[in-house]
N, C-alpha and C. Protein backbone atom coordinates (compact mmCIF):
# COMPACT_ATOMS: atom_id res chain seq x y z
N MET A 1 0.84 -1.18 0.00
CA MET A 1 0.00 0.00 0.00
C MET A 1 0.88 1.24 0.00
N LYS A 2 0.45 2.21 -0.75
CA LYS A 2 1.18 3.47 -0.85
C LYS A 2 1.12 4.24 0.47
N ILE A 3 2.25 4.81 0.86
CA ILE A 3 2.33 5.67 2.04
C ILE A 3 2.87 7.02 1.57
N LEU A 4 2.19 8.08 1.97
CA LEU A 4 2.62 9.42 1.59
C LEU A 4 3.85 9.83 2.39
N GLU A 5 4.79 10.43 1.71
CA GLU A 5 5.98 10.97 2.37
C GLU A 5 5.53 12.05 3.36
N ALA A 6 6.11 12.05 4.55
CA ALA A 6 5.73 13.03 5.57
C ALA A 6 6.96 13.79 6.04
N ARG A 7 6.78 15.09 6.25
CA ARG A 7 7.87 15.92 6.75
C ARG A 7 7.30 17.00 7.66
N GLU A 8 8.07 17.34 8.68
CA GLU A 8 7.66 18.43 9.56
C GLU A 8 7.93 19.76 8.87
N VAL A 9 7.05 20.70 9.11
CA VAL A 9 7.16 22.04 8.52
C VAL A 9 7.17 23.04 9.67
N GLN A 10 7.97 24.06 9.53
CA GLN A 10 8.05 25.14 10.53
C GLN A 10 7.54 26.43 9.90
N VAL A 11 6.72 27.15 10.62
CA VAL A 11 6.29 28.48 10.20
C VAL A 11 6.35 29.41 11.41
N TYR A 12 6.50 30.67 11.14
CA TYR A 12 6.44 31.65 12.21
C TYR A 12 5.15 32.43 12.08
N CYS A 13 4.37 32.47 13.14
CA CYS A 13 3.11 33.19 13.15
C CYS A 13 3.06 34.11 14.36
N PRO A 14 3.10 35.41 14.16
CA PRO A 14 2.94 36.32 15.30
C PRO A 14 1.50 36.27 15.79
N PHE A 15 1.28 36.68 17.01
CA PHE A 15 -0.05 36.71 17.60
C PHE A 15 -0.96 37.59 16.76
N ASP A 16 -2.08 37.05 16.30
CA ASP A 16 -3.03 37.74 15.45
C ASP A 16 -4.24 38.15 16.29
N MET A 17 -4.19 39.36 16.80
CA MET A 17 -5.24 39.84 17.71
C MET A 17 -6.62 39.84 17.05
N GLU A 18 -6.70 40.25 15.80
CA GLU A 18 -7.99 40.33 15.12
C GLU A 18 -8.65 38.96 15.01
N THR A 19 -7.91 37.96 14.58
CA THR A 19 -8.46 36.61 14.47
C THR A 19 -8.83 36.08 15.85
N PHE A 20 -7.96 36.31 16.83
CA PHE A 20 -8.25 35.87 18.19
C PHE A 20 -9.54 36.48 18.70
N MET A 21 -9.71 37.78 18.54
CA MET A 21 -10.91 38.46 19.04
C MET A 21 -12.16 37.89 18.37
N GLY A 22 -12.06 37.59 17.08
CA GLY A 22 -13.21 37.01 16.39
C GLY A 22 -13.55 35.62 16.89
N LEU A 23 -12.53 34.77 17.03
CA LEU A 23 -12.77 33.40 17.50
C LEU A 23 -13.21 33.37 18.96
N ALA A 24 -12.70 34.30 19.77
CA ALA A 24 -13.07 34.35 21.18
C ALA A 24 -14.37 35.12 21.41
N GLN A 25 -14.91 35.69 20.34
CA GLN A 25 -16.15 36.45 20.40
C GLN A 25 -16.06 37.60 21.40
N LEU A 26 -14.96 38.34 21.33
CA LEU A 26 -14.69 39.44 22.24
C LEU A 26 -14.73 40.77 21.49
N LYS A 27 -15.21 41.78 22.18
CA LYS A 27 -15.18 43.13 21.62
C LYS A 27 -13.98 43.91 22.14
N GLY A 28 -13.42 43.46 23.25
CA GLY A 28 -12.26 44.13 23.82
C GLY A 28 -11.63 43.31 24.92
N LEU A 29 -10.39 43.64 25.24
CA LEU A 29 -9.65 42.98 26.32
C LEU A 29 -8.92 44.04 27.12
N GLU A 30 -8.78 43.78 28.41
CA GLU A 30 -7.95 44.66 29.24
C GLU A 30 -6.49 44.35 28.96
N GLY A 31 -5.64 45.29 29.29
CA GLY A 31 -4.20 45.12 29.04
C GLY A 31 -3.63 43.86 29.66
N LYS A 32 -4.01 43.56 30.91
CA LYS A 32 -3.47 42.36 31.57
C LYS A 32 -3.94 41.08 30.89
N GLU A 33 -5.15 41.10 30.31
CA GLU A 33 -5.63 39.92 29.57
C GLU A 33 -4.85 39.73 28.28
N ILE A 34 -4.52 40.83 27.62
CA ILE A 34 -3.72 40.75 26.39
C ILE A 34 -2.35 40.18 26.71
N VAL A 35 -1.74 40.67 27.77
CA VAL A 35 -0.42 40.17 28.17
C VAL A 35 -0.50 38.67 28.48
N GLU A 36 -1.55 38.26 29.20
CA GLU A 36 -1.72 36.85 29.54
C GLU A 36 -1.87 35.99 28.29
N MET A 37 -2.65 36.45 27.31
CA MET A 37 -2.83 35.68 26.07
C MET A 37 -1.52 35.58 25.30
N ILE A 38 -0.75 36.65 25.26
CA ILE A 38 0.55 36.63 24.58
C ILE A 38 1.50 35.67 25.30
N GLU A 39 1.44 35.65 26.63
CA GLU A 39 2.28 34.71 27.38
C GLU A 39 1.90 33.26 27.06
N PHE A 40 0.59 32.97 27.02
CA PHE A 40 0.15 31.63 26.63
C PHE A 40 0.59 31.30 25.20
N TRP A 41 0.47 32.27 24.32
CA TRP A 41 0.88 32.09 22.91
C TRP A 41 2.36 31.66 22.87
N ASN A 42 3.20 32.41 23.55
CA ASN A 42 4.64 32.11 23.55
C ASN A 42 4.94 30.76 24.19
N LYS A 43 4.20 30.41 25.21
CA LYS A 43 4.40 29.14 25.90
C LYS A 43 3.95 27.96 25.05
N TRP A 44 2.81 28.08 24.39
CA TRP A 44 2.23 26.95 23.66
C TRP A 44 2.66 26.86 22.21
N TYR A 45 3.12 27.95 21.64
CA TYR A 45 3.48 27.93 20.22
C TYR A 45 4.44 26.80 19.85
N PRO A 46 5.46 26.51 20.68
CA PRO A 46 6.34 25.38 20.33
C PRO A 46 5.62 24.02 20.35
N GLY A 47 4.46 23.96 20.97
CA GLY A 47 3.68 22.72 21.02
C GLY A 47 2.80 22.51 19.80
N MET A 48 2.83 23.45 18.85
CA MET A 48 2.07 23.29 17.62
C MET A 48 2.94 22.52 16.62
N LYS A 49 2.41 21.43 16.12
CA LYS A 49 3.12 20.59 15.16
C LYS A 49 2.46 20.69 13.80
N ILE A 50 3.29 20.76 12.77
CA ILE A 50 2.80 20.86 11.39
C ILE A 50 3.46 19.75 10.60
N LEU A 51 2.64 18.92 9.99
CA LEU A 51 3.13 17.78 9.23
C LEU A 51 2.57 17.85 7.81
N ALA A 52 3.46 17.94 6.82
CA ALA A 52 3.05 17.93 5.41
C ALA A 52 3.18 16.51 4.89
N LEU A 53 2.17 16.06 4.17
CA LEU A 53 2.16 14.71 3.61
C LEU A 53 2.05 14.80 2.09
N GLY A 54 2.84 14.00 1.40
CA GLY A 54 2.85 14.01 -0.05
C GLY A 54 3.99 14.88 -0.56
N ARG A 55 4.16 14.87 -1.87
CA ARG A 55 5.24 15.66 -2.45
C ARG A 55 4.71 16.97 -3.03
N LYS A 56 4.32 16.97 -4.28
CA LYS A 56 3.85 18.21 -4.90
C LYS A 56 2.44 18.57 -4.43
N ARG A 57 1.57 17.59 -4.35
CA ARG A 57 0.20 17.81 -3.90
C ARG A 57 -0.09 16.78 -2.82
N GLY A 58 -0.60 17.26 -1.72
CA GLY A 58 -0.89 16.35 -0.62
C GLY A 58 -1.77 17.00 0.41
N TYR A 59 -1.31 16.92 1.65
CA TYR A 59 -2.11 17.38 2.78
C TYR A 59 -1.20 18.01 3.82
N VAL A 60 -1.82 18.75 4.73
CA VAL A 60 -1.09 19.26 5.88
C VAL A 60 -1.97 19.04 7.12
N ALA A 61 -1.33 18.52 8.16
CA ALA A 61 -1.98 18.34 9.45
C ALA A 61 -1.32 19.30 10.44
N ILE A 62 -2.14 20.03 11.16
CA ILE A 62 -1.65 20.95 12.19
C ILE A 62 -2.36 20.58 13.48
N TYR A 63 -1.56 20.38 14.53
CA TYR A 63 -2.18 19.98 15.80
C TYR A 63 -1.35 20.46 16.97
N MET A 64 -2.01 20.59 18.12
CA MET A 64 -1.36 20.98 19.36
C MET A 64 -1.07 19.72 20.16
N GLU A 65 0.11 19.67 20.76
CA GLU A 65 0.51 18.52 21.56
C GLU A 65 -0.48 18.28 22.70
N LYS A 66 -0.54 17.04 23.17
CA LYS A 66 -1.47 16.64 24.23
C LYS A 66 -1.25 17.44 25.51
N GLU A 67 -0.01 17.84 25.80
CA GLU A 67 0.26 18.63 27.01
C GLU A 67 -0.51 19.95 26.97
N VAL A 68 -0.59 20.56 25.79
CA VAL A 68 -1.35 21.80 25.65
C VAL A 68 -2.83 21.51 25.85
N GLU A 69 -3.33 20.44 25.26
CA GLU A 69 -4.73 20.05 25.45
C GLU A 69 -5.04 19.88 26.94
N ASN A 70 -4.17 19.18 27.65
CA ASN A 70 -4.39 18.93 29.07
C ASN A 70 -4.39 20.22 29.88
N GLU A 71 -3.49 21.13 29.55
CA GLU A 71 -3.44 22.40 30.27
C GLU A 71 -4.71 23.22 30.01
N ILE A 72 -5.18 23.21 28.78
CA ILE A 72 -6.42 23.93 28.47
C ILE A 72 -7.60 23.30 29.20
N ASP A 73 -7.65 21.98 29.27
CA ASP A 73 -8.71 21.31 30.03
C ASP A 73 -8.70 21.75 31.49
N SER A 74 -7.51 21.86 32.08
CA SER A 74 -7.39 22.31 33.47
C SER A 74 -7.89 23.74 33.64
N ILE A 75 -7.57 24.58 32.67
CA ILE A 75 -8.03 25.98 32.72
C ILE A 75 -9.54 26.03 32.61
N TRP A 76 -10.13 25.22 31.74
CA TRP A 76 -11.59 25.15 31.60
C TRP A 76 -12.22 24.79 32.95
N ASN A 77 -11.62 23.82 33.65
CA ASN A 77 -12.17 23.38 34.93
C ASN A 77 -12.12 24.49 35.98
N GLU A 78 -11.08 25.32 35.94
CA GLU A 78 -10.94 26.42 36.88
C GLU A 78 -11.84 27.60 36.53
N SER A 79 -11.89 27.92 35.23
CA SER A 79 -12.65 29.09 34.78
C SER A 79 -13.10 28.86 33.33
N PRO A 80 -14.39 28.54 33.15
CA PRO A 80 -14.88 28.33 31.78
C PRO A 80 -14.68 29.53 30.86
N SER A 81 -14.79 30.74 31.39
CA SER A 81 -14.61 31.91 30.51
C SER A 81 -13.15 32.02 30.04
N LYS A 82 -12.21 31.76 30.95
CA LYS A 82 -10.80 31.78 30.56
C LYS A 82 -10.50 30.59 29.66
N GLY A 83 -11.10 29.45 29.94
CA GLY A 83 -10.92 28.27 29.10
C GLY A 83 -11.36 28.54 27.67
N PHE A 84 -12.47 29.24 27.52
CA PHE A 84 -12.97 29.58 26.18
C PHE A 84 -11.96 30.47 25.46
N LYS A 85 -11.38 31.42 26.18
CA LYS A 85 -10.40 32.34 25.57
C LYS A 85 -9.14 31.60 25.13
N VAL A 86 -8.62 30.72 26.00
CA VAL A 86 -7.38 30.03 25.62
C VAL A 86 -7.63 29.00 24.53
N GLN A 87 -8.83 28.44 24.50
CA GLN A 87 -9.19 27.55 23.38
C GLN A 87 -9.18 28.35 22.08
N ALA A 88 -9.77 29.53 22.10
CA ALA A 88 -9.76 30.40 20.92
C ALA A 88 -8.32 30.78 20.55
N LEU A 89 -7.46 30.91 21.54
CA LEU A 89 -6.06 31.25 21.28
C LEU A 89 -5.37 30.15 20.46
N VAL A 90 -5.53 28.88 20.86
CA VAL A 90 -4.87 27.81 20.10
C VAL A 90 -5.53 27.63 18.73
N GLN A 91 -6.82 27.90 18.65
CA GLN A 91 -7.48 27.89 17.34
C GLN A 91 -6.89 28.99 16.45
N THR A 92 -6.59 30.12 17.04
CA THR A 92 -5.95 31.22 16.31
C THR A 92 -4.57 30.79 15.81
N MET A 93 -3.83 30.07 16.64
CA MET A 93 -2.51 29.57 16.21
C MET A 93 -2.64 28.69 14.98
N ILE A 94 -3.60 27.79 15.01
CA ILE A 94 -3.78 26.86 13.90
C ILE A 94 -4.21 27.60 12.64
N VAL A 95 -5.16 28.53 12.77
CA VAL A 95 -5.61 29.32 11.63
C VAL A 95 -4.46 30.16 11.08
N SER A 96 -3.67 30.75 11.96
CA SER A 96 -2.53 31.57 11.54
C SER A 96 -1.51 30.74 10.78
N ALA A 97 -1.25 29.52 11.26
CA ALA A 97 -0.30 28.64 10.56
C ALA A 97 -0.84 28.27 9.18
N LEU A 98 -2.14 27.99 9.10
CA LEU A 98 -2.74 27.69 7.79
C LEU A 98 -2.58 28.86 6.83
N ARG A 99 -2.85 30.04 7.31
CA ARG A 99 -2.75 31.23 6.46
C ARG A 99 -1.30 31.53 6.06
N GLU A 100 -0.38 31.20 6.94
CA GLU A 100 1.04 31.40 6.61
C GLU A 100 1.46 30.42 5.51
N LEU A 101 1.00 29.18 5.63
CA LEU A 101 1.34 28.16 4.63
C LEU A 101 0.60 28.38 3.31
N MET A 102 -0.65 28.86 3.42
CA MET A 102 -1.51 29.02 2.25
C MET A 102 -2.22 30.36 2.31
N PRO A 103 -1.59 31.40 1.83
CA PRO A 103 -2.19 32.74 1.89
C PRO A 103 -3.55 32.83 1.19
N GLU A 104 -3.86 31.84 0.35
CA GLU A 104 -5.15 31.85 -0.34
C GLU A 104 -6.32 31.70 0.64
N ILE A 105 -6.04 31.18 1.83
CA ILE A 105 -7.09 31.05 2.85
C ILE A 105 -7.25 32.42 3.50
N ARG A 106 -8.30 33.09 3.08
CA ARG A 106 -8.54 34.44 3.59
C ARG A 106 -9.38 34.37 4.86
N HIS A 107 -9.71 35.53 5.39
CA HIS A 107 -10.49 35.61 6.62
C HIS A 107 -11.88 34.99 6.49
N ASP A 108 -12.42 34.91 5.29
CA ASP A 108 -13.78 34.39 5.12
C ASP A 108 -13.80 32.96 4.58
N GLN A 109 -12.71 32.25 4.66
CA GLN A 109 -12.66 30.90 4.12
C GLN A 109 -12.18 29.90 5.16
N CYS A 110 -12.55 28.68 4.91
CA CYS A 110 -12.09 27.58 5.74
C CYS A 110 -11.09 26.74 4.95
N ALA A 111 -10.51 25.79 5.63
CA ALA A 111 -9.61 24.83 5.00
C ALA A 111 -10.39 23.53 4.85
N PRO A 112 -10.70 23.10 3.64
CA PRO A 112 -11.55 21.92 3.45
C PRO A 112 -10.89 20.64 3.98
N VAL A 113 -11.70 19.82 4.62
CA VAL A 113 -11.25 18.54 5.16
C VAL A 113 -11.33 17.49 4.04
N PRO A 114 -10.26 16.75 3.81
CA PRO A 114 -10.30 15.71 2.78
C PRO A 114 -11.08 14.48 3.25
N LYS A 115 -11.47 13.68 2.30
CA LYS A 115 -12.15 12.42 2.61
C LYS A 115 -11.14 11.48 3.28
N PRO A 116 -11.56 10.79 4.36
CA PRO A 116 -10.64 9.90 5.07
C PRO A 116 -10.39 8.60 4.30
N GLY A 117 -9.55 8.66 3.29
CA GLY A 117 -9.20 7.49 2.49
C GLY A 117 -8.15 6.63 3.17
N THR A 118 -8.00 5.41 2.68
CA THR A 118 -7.09 4.43 3.26
C THR A 118 -5.63 4.90 3.24
N VAL A 119 -5.18 5.44 2.12
CA VAL A 119 -3.78 5.87 2.01
C VAL A 119 -3.50 7.02 2.99
N LEU A 120 -4.40 7.97 3.06
CA LEU A 120 -4.23 9.10 3.96
C LEU A 120 -4.24 8.63 5.42
N LYS A 121 -5.19 7.79 5.76
CA LYS A 121 -5.27 7.27 7.14
C LYS A 121 -4.00 6.50 7.52
N LYS A 122 -3.54 5.65 6.63
CA LYS A 122 -2.35 4.84 6.90
C LYS A 122 -1.11 5.73 7.02
N SER A 123 -1.00 6.72 6.15
CA SER A 123 0.14 7.65 6.19
C SER A 123 0.17 8.43 7.48
N LEU A 124 -0.98 8.89 7.93
CA LEU A 124 -1.06 9.62 9.20
C LEU A 124 -0.75 8.72 10.39
N SER A 125 -1.23 7.48 10.33
CA SER A 125 -1.00 6.57 11.46
C SER A 125 0.48 6.27 11.65
N LYS A 126 1.24 6.29 10.56
CA LYS A 126 2.70 6.09 10.65
C LYS A 126 3.36 7.20 11.47
N LYS A 127 2.68 8.34 11.58
CA LYS A 127 3.20 9.48 12.34
C LYS A 127 2.46 9.67 13.67
N GLY A 128 1.68 8.67 14.07
CA GLY A 128 0.99 8.73 15.35
C GLY A 128 -0.32 9.51 15.34
N LEU A 129 -0.82 9.80 14.16
CA LEU A 129 -2.09 10.52 14.03
C LEU A 129 -3.17 9.57 13.53
N GLU A 130 -4.34 9.67 14.11
CA GLU A 130 -5.48 8.89 13.63
C GLU A 130 -6.44 9.85 12.94
N PHE A 131 -6.94 9.43 11.79
CA PHE A 131 -7.91 10.22 11.03
C PHE A 131 -9.20 9.41 10.98
N TYR A 132 -10.19 9.89 11.71
CA TYR A 132 -11.45 9.16 11.85
C TYR A 132 -12.39 9.42 10.68
N ASP A 133 -13.32 8.50 10.49
CA ASP A 133 -14.28 8.62 9.39
C ASP A 133 -15.17 9.86 9.51
N GLN A 134 -15.25 10.45 10.71
CA GLN A 134 -16.02 11.68 10.90
C GLN A 134 -15.27 12.90 10.37
N GLY A 135 -14.01 12.71 9.93
CA GLY A 135 -13.23 13.82 9.40
C GLY A 135 -12.42 14.55 10.46
N THR A 136 -12.19 13.91 11.60
CA THR A 136 -11.43 14.53 12.68
C THR A 136 -10.16 13.74 12.97
N LEU A 137 -9.20 14.43 13.58
CA LEU A 137 -7.97 13.79 14.03
C LEU A 137 -8.07 13.45 15.51
N ASN A 138 -7.13 12.68 16.00
CA ASN A 138 -7.14 12.27 17.40
C ASN A 138 -6.54 13.33 18.34
N TYR A 139 -6.50 14.55 17.91
CA TYR A 139 -6.08 15.67 18.74
C TYR A 139 -7.23 16.67 18.77
N LYS A 140 -7.53 17.16 19.97
CA LYS A 140 -8.67 18.08 20.14
C LYS A 140 -8.48 19.35 19.33
N TYR A 141 -7.28 19.90 19.33
CA TYR A 141 -7.00 21.14 18.61
C TYR A 141 -6.15 20.79 17.40
N SER A 142 -6.82 20.56 16.28
CA SER A 142 -6.12 20.10 15.08
C SER A 142 -6.95 20.39 13.84
N THR A 143 -6.27 20.29 12.71
CA THR A 143 -6.96 20.37 11.43
C THR A 143 -6.14 19.59 10.40
N LEU A 144 -6.82 19.16 9.37
CA LEU A 144 -6.19 18.46 8.25
C LEU A 144 -6.83 19.00 6.99
N THR A 145 -6.00 19.41 6.05
CA THR A 145 -6.53 19.96 4.81
C THR A 145 -5.58 19.65 3.66
N TYR A 146 -6.02 20.03 2.47
CA TYR A 146 -5.20 19.86 1.27
C TYR A 146 -4.03 20.84 1.30
N TYR A 147 -2.89 20.39 0.76
CA TYR A 147 -1.71 21.26 0.71
C TYR A 147 -0.93 20.94 -0.54
N PRO A 148 -0.68 21.91 -1.38
CA PRO A 148 -1.04 23.31 -1.25
C PRO A 148 -2.55 23.51 -1.42
N PHE A 149 -2.97 24.77 -1.24
CA PHE A 149 -4.38 25.15 -1.30
C PHE A 149 -5.01 24.66 -2.60
N ARG A 150 -6.21 24.11 -2.49
CA ARG A 150 -6.92 23.62 -3.68
C ARG A 150 -8.31 24.18 -3.85
N GLY A 151 -8.84 24.82 -2.86
CA GLY A 151 -10.20 25.33 -2.97
C GLY A 151 -10.90 25.32 -1.63
N GLY A 152 -12.18 25.58 -1.65
CA GLY A 152 -12.92 25.73 -0.41
C GLY A 152 -13.96 24.67 -0.16
N CYS A 153 -15.14 25.16 0.17
CA CYS A 153 -16.22 24.30 0.65
C CYS A 153 -16.60 23.17 -0.31
N ASP A 154 -16.50 23.41 -1.59
CA ASP A 154 -16.91 22.40 -2.57
C ASP A 154 -16.05 21.14 -2.49
N LEU A 155 -14.85 21.21 -1.92
CA LEU A 155 -13.97 20.04 -1.77
C LEU A 155 -14.10 19.38 -0.40
N CYS A 156 -14.80 20.02 0.52
CA CYS A 156 -14.78 19.59 1.91
C CYS A 156 -15.65 18.36 2.17
N TYR A 157 -15.05 17.39 2.80
CA TYR A 157 -15.73 16.16 3.20
C TYR A 157 -16.87 16.47 4.18
N LEU A 158 -16.74 17.54 4.94
CA LEU A 158 -17.73 17.89 5.96
C LEU A 158 -18.77 18.90 5.49
N GLU A 159 -18.80 19.22 4.20
CA GLU A 159 -19.67 20.28 3.71
C GLU A 159 -21.13 20.09 4.12
N SER A 160 -21.65 18.88 4.03
CA SER A 160 -23.08 18.67 4.32
C SER A 160 -23.42 18.87 5.80
N SER A 161 -22.43 18.78 6.69
CA SER A 161 -22.70 18.94 8.12
C SER A 161 -22.06 20.20 8.70
N CYS A 162 -21.49 21.04 7.88
CA CYS A 162 -20.76 22.22 8.36
C CYS A 162 -21.72 23.28 8.91
N PRO A 163 -21.55 23.67 10.18
CA PRO A 163 -22.44 24.69 10.74
C PRO A 163 -22.24 26.06 10.10
N LYS A 164 -21.07 26.32 9.56
CA LYS A 164 -20.79 27.64 8.98
C LYS A 164 -21.59 27.89 7.71
N ILE A 165 -21.99 26.83 7.03
CA ILE A 165 -22.78 27.03 5.81
C ILE A 165 -24.20 26.48 5.95
N ASN A 166 -24.50 25.84 7.07
CA ASN A 166 -25.82 25.26 7.25
C ASN A 166 -26.69 25.96 8.28
N PHE A 167 -26.11 26.81 9.15
CA PHE A 167 -26.92 27.60 10.06
C PHE A 167 -27.47 28.78 9.29
N PRO A 168 -28.76 29.08 9.44
CA PRO A 168 -29.37 30.16 8.64
C PRO A 168 -28.65 31.50 8.74
N LYS A 169 -28.20 31.91 9.93
CA LYS A 169 -27.55 33.21 10.08
C LYS A 169 -26.19 33.26 9.41
N MET A 170 -25.56 32.11 9.21
CA MET A 170 -24.22 32.08 8.65
C MET A 170 -24.21 31.56 7.22
N GLU A 171 -25.38 31.27 6.68
CA GLU A 171 -25.46 30.67 5.35
C GLU A 171 -24.68 31.45 4.32
N GLY A 172 -23.80 30.77 3.63
CA GLY A 172 -23.04 31.39 2.56
C GLY A 172 -21.86 32.22 3.01
N LEU A 173 -21.71 32.44 4.29
CA LEU A 173 -20.63 33.30 4.79
C LEU A 173 -19.26 32.80 4.39
N PHE A 174 -19.09 31.49 4.33
CA PHE A 174 -17.77 30.94 4.06
C PHE A 174 -17.65 30.35 2.67
N LYS A 175 -18.63 30.50 1.82
CA LYS A 175 -18.55 30.00 0.46
C LYS A 175 -17.46 30.75 -0.28
N THR A 176 -16.71 30.00 -1.10
CA THR A 176 -15.62 30.64 -1.83
C THR A 176 -16.12 31.50 -2.98
N ASN A 177 -17.35 31.27 -3.42
CA ASN A 177 -17.93 32.08 -4.49
C ASN A 177 -19.14 32.79 -3.91
N PRO A 178 -18.99 34.02 -3.40
CA PRO A 178 -20.07 34.72 -2.71
C PRO A 178 -21.31 34.95 -3.55
N GLY A 179 -21.20 34.86 -4.87
CA GLY A 179 -22.34 35.09 -5.73
C GLY A 179 -23.32 33.93 -5.76
N GLN A 180 -22.97 32.79 -5.20
CA GLN A 180 -23.87 31.63 -5.25
C GLN A 180 -24.77 31.56 -4.05
């Protein structure tokens, strides 16, 4: 069976306040909260792993190490509001890494999830990642998409169940062709 070549990728992503504020659903932060989020960013950023699979055309998996997941779970238990913020922070890291790797992913687009095929699943498992039939990885804070960029919602395995295009208030918000 074919196994996709896998390699670690490094990117530098500065803290993106605008994306963070949107994901955290915040209108503003106090100075000490901003400092705290930047401190978490600096602490957790090395725990973000990026794995490219394939040669010219393939996939990229981005995920946060289990230690980061565990720390966020502890924060949630202490303070759900702070837990929500730090969860949005690691989501911001992942989105920022995607945008750094693929500038075509703009603020109004998602990264389409590929179909969980046998070759992709087997290739990921060789690197300790499980790709479930639901289109998720075995890491709470993770994503898997095509690499390099290939398109948007029309390629996504999760399109029929995606809340971003199926909730009435958000309908069409993330479509790559706004005229449709």
